[in-house]
Amino acid sequence: AETPEKENLSQLAARQLKYMQNLENALVRIKNGTYGICSVTGKLISKERLIAVPHTTQSIEAKMMKQD
């Protein structure tokens, strides 16, 4: 019973760490003036998307292109 709980906690910690790293990367992009610019298309990322996913580097358009 202990091992599955430890596994779940480990996965949760890993997700939290990745999220924090993504937010730190977003702060770097804010400082260098590239925040809100899609890394794939070079177009501005919509305000709605940035509100929903503040650390995103891709527009919805770019995200959809990757799914094809």
Protein backbone atom coordinates (compact mmCIF):
# COMPACT_ATOMS: atom_id res chain seq x y z
CA ALA A 1 0.00 0.00 0.00
CA GLU A 2 2.95 2.32 0.59
CA THR A 3 4.61 1.94 -2.81
CA PRO A 4 1.69 3.17 -4.98
CA GLU A 5 1.32 6.23 -2.75
CA LYS A 6 5.05 6.98 -2.97
CA GLU A 7 4.83 6.61 -6.76
CA ASN A 8 1.88 9.01 -6.92
CA LEU A 9 3.69 11.55 -4.74
CA SER A 10 6.80 11.23 -6.87
CA GLN A 11 4.82 11.82 -10.07
CA LEU A 12 3.05 14.80 -8.51
CA ALA A 13 6.38 16.29 -7.41
CA ALA A 14 7.84 15.78 -10.90
CA ARG A 15 4.82 17.53 -12.50
CA GLN A 16 5.07 20.42 -10.05
CA LEU A 17 8.80 20.79 -10.73
CA LYS A 18 8.22 20.80 -14.49
CA TYR A 19 5.46 23.42 -14.09
CA MET A 20 7.74 25.64 -11.99
CA GLN A 21 10.53 25.32 -14.54
CA ASN A 22 8.09 26.26 -17.32
CA LEU A 23 7.02 29.34 -15.37
CA GLU A 24 10.65 30.33 -14.76
CA ASN A 25 11.29 29.97 -18.50
CA ALA A 26 8.27 32.22 -19.14
CA LEU A 27 9.79 34.86 -16.84
CA VAL A 28 13.00 34.70 -18.89
CA ARG A 29 10.97 35.21 -22.07
CA ILE A 30 9.25 38.21 -20.47
CA LYS A 31 12.65 39.73 -19.68
CA ASN A 32 14.05 39.16 -23.16
CA GLY A 33 10.89 40.34 -24.92
CA THR A 34 9.83 37.06 -26.53
CA TYR A 35 6.95 36.18 -24.18
CA GLY A 36 3.70 35.74 -26.07
CA ILE A 37 5.35 35.03 -29.40
CA CYS A 38 4.81 31.54 -30.83
CA SER A 39 8.05 29.59 -31.15
CA VAL A 40 6.71 27.81 -34.25
CA THR A 41 4.86 30.45 -36.26
CA GLY A 42 6.45 33.63 -34.90
CA LYS A 43 2.96 35.13 -34.50
CA LEU A 44 1.51 36.54 -31.30
CA ILE A 45 -0.14 34.02 -28.99
CA SER A 46 -3.71 35.00 -28.13
CA LYS A 47 -4.31 36.62 -24.76
CA GLU A 48 -6.92 33.96 -23.97
CA ARG A 49 -4.36 31.18 -24.48
CA LEU A 50 -1.78 32.95 -22.33
CA ILE A 51 -4.34 33.36 -19.56
CA ALA A 52 -5.21 29.65 -19.75
CA VAL A 53 -1.60 28.44 -20.10
CA PRO A 54 0.76 31.24 -18.97
CA HIS A 55 3.92 29.26 -19.72
CA THR A 56 2.98 28.24 -23.26
CA THR A 57 5.43 28.82 -26.10
CA GLN A 58 3.01 27.91 -28.88
CA SER A 59 -0.16 29.35 -30.31
CA ILE A 60 -3.24 27.17 -30.72
CA GLU A 61 -2.49 27.17 -34.46
CA ALA A 62 0.98 25.69 -33.90
CA LYS A 63 -0.34 23.19 -31.37
CA MET A 64 -2.95 22.00 -33.88
CA MET A 65 -0.32 21.65 -36.63
CA LYS A 66 1.66 19.26 -34.39
CA GLN A 67 -1.41 17.05 -33.87
CA ASP A 68 -1.92 16.41 -37.59
